[in-house]
Protein backbone atom coordinates (compact mmCIF):
# COMPACT_ATOMS: atom_id res chain seq x y z
CA MET A 1 34.69 -18.42 29.38
CA SER A 2 34.43 -21.47 31.40
CA LYS A 3 36.99 -19.88 33.48
CA VAL A 4 34.98 -16.71 34.30
CA CYS A 5 32.07 -19.00 34.80
CA ASP A 6 34.03 -21.32 37.45
CA GLU A 7 35.46 -18.33 39.24
CA LEU A 8 31.68 -16.99 39.84
CA LEU A 9 30.38 -19.97 40.81
CA GLN A 10 32.50 -20.05 43.92
CA TYR A 11 30.25 -17.36 45.06
CA ASP A 12 26.88 -19.15 44.00
CA GLU A 13 26.11 -20.22 47.38
CA LEU A 14 26.53 -17.10 49.05
CA ARG A 15 24.10 -15.55 46.48
CA ASN A 16 21.76 -17.88 47.18
CA PHE A 17 21.85 -17.22 50.90
CA MET A 18 21.56 -13.14 50.16
CA ALA A 19 18.77 -13.33 47.83
CA HIS A 20 16.75 -15.79 49.47
CA GLY A 21 18.03 -16.12 53.23
CA TRP A 22 17.10 -13.99 56.36
CA MET A 23 20.07 -11.82 57.59
CA GLU A 24 21.33 -10.69 61.11
CA ILE A 25 24.23 -8.80 62.03
CA HIS A 26 26.17 -8.66 64.81
CA THR A 27 28.31 -5.89 65.31
CA ASP A 28 31.12 -5.11 68.24
CA LEU A 29 33.17 -1.89 68.94
CA LYS A 30 36.03 -3.01 67.51
CA ASP A 31 34.76 -3.11 64.06
CA ASN A 32 34.59 -7.26 63.90
CA HIS A 33 31.10 -7.40 62.69
CA ARG A 34 29.56 -10.59 61.62
CA LEU A 35 26.95 -10.91 59.52
CA GLY A 36 24.78 -14.21 59.57
CA PHE A 37 22.76 -15.72 56.99
CA ARG A 38 19.90 -18.28 57.45
CA LEU A 39 18.07 -20.30 54.81
CA ASN A 40 15.37 -22.76 55.06
CA GLN A 41 16.19 -25.51 51.95
CA ARG A 42 13.76 -28.33 51.15
CA ASP A 43 15.35 -31.56 50.71
CA GLY A 44 13.69 -34.52 48.58
CA GLN A 45 11.41 -35.30 51.19
CA GLY A 46 9.63 -31.94 51.47
CA LYS A 47 10.93 -31.27 55.04
CA PHE A 48 12.69 -28.13 55.64
CA ASN A 49 16.25 -28.06 56.70
CA ARG A 50 17.93 -24.67 58.25
CA ILE A 51 21.25 -23.82 56.73
CA ASP A 52 23.52 -21.29 58.51
CA ILE A 53 26.29 -19.67 57.50
CA GLU A 54 28.43 -16.55 58.91
CA THR A 55 30.88 -14.25 57.06
CA THR A 56 32.31 -10.98 57.80
CA VAL A 57 32.49 -7.21 55.93
CA PRO A 58 35.95 -7.63 54.53
CA TYR A 59 35.12 -11.32 53.01
CA LEU A 60 31.95 -9.64 51.11
CA LYS A 61 34.03 -6.64 50.01
CA ASP A 62 36.85 -8.86 48.72
CA ALA A 63 34.28 -11.10 46.76
CA ALA A 64 32.25 -8.07 45.30
CA ASP A 65 35.98 -6.46 44.35
CA LYS A 66 36.67 -10.07 42.60
CA ILE A 67 32.85 -10.58 41.17
CA THR A 68 33.54 -7.24 39.74
CA LEU A 69 36.57 -8.32 37.82
CA TYR A 70 35.34 -11.59 36.88
CA VAL A 71 32.04 -9.44 35.31
CA GLN A 72 34.53 -7.29 33.33
CA GLU A 73 36.35 -10.00 32.00
CA ALA A 74 32.94 -11.75 30.75
CA VAL A 75 31.90 -8.25 29.46
CA THR A 76 35.51 -8.04 27.26
CA LEU A 77 35.00 -11.52 25.77
CA PHE A 78 31.46 -10.83 24.93
CA SER A 79 32.53 -7.32 23.44
CA ARG A 80 35.44 -9.11 21.27
CA ILE A 81 32.83 -12.02 20.43
CA TYR A 82 30.37 -9.29 18.68
CA LEU A 83 32.89 -7.39 16.99
CA GLU A 84 34.57 -10.24 15.67
CA GLN A 85 31.65 -11.80 14.39
CA LYS A 86 30.07 -8.72 13.29
CA LEU A 87 27.16 -9.21 15.49
CA GLU A 88 24.73 -6.56 16.60
């Protein structure tokens, strides 16, 4: 289980930006679209700091595929635990 959690954890920052940040899309004619995410985070002194990240559509598609596999592994593990422990 810790392997699945560790694998999912690598996408935590991206998830945070996608859930709580602003998104802007930069398109071009060659399909080299870029996605920018902006997030204002409060530091320990109450000040806000703007953080920007940029990614691509292929990266997000790959991340979605990997996350799907990791979640499937977790569901398989939980199902096995429930069956072995006779839980309902």
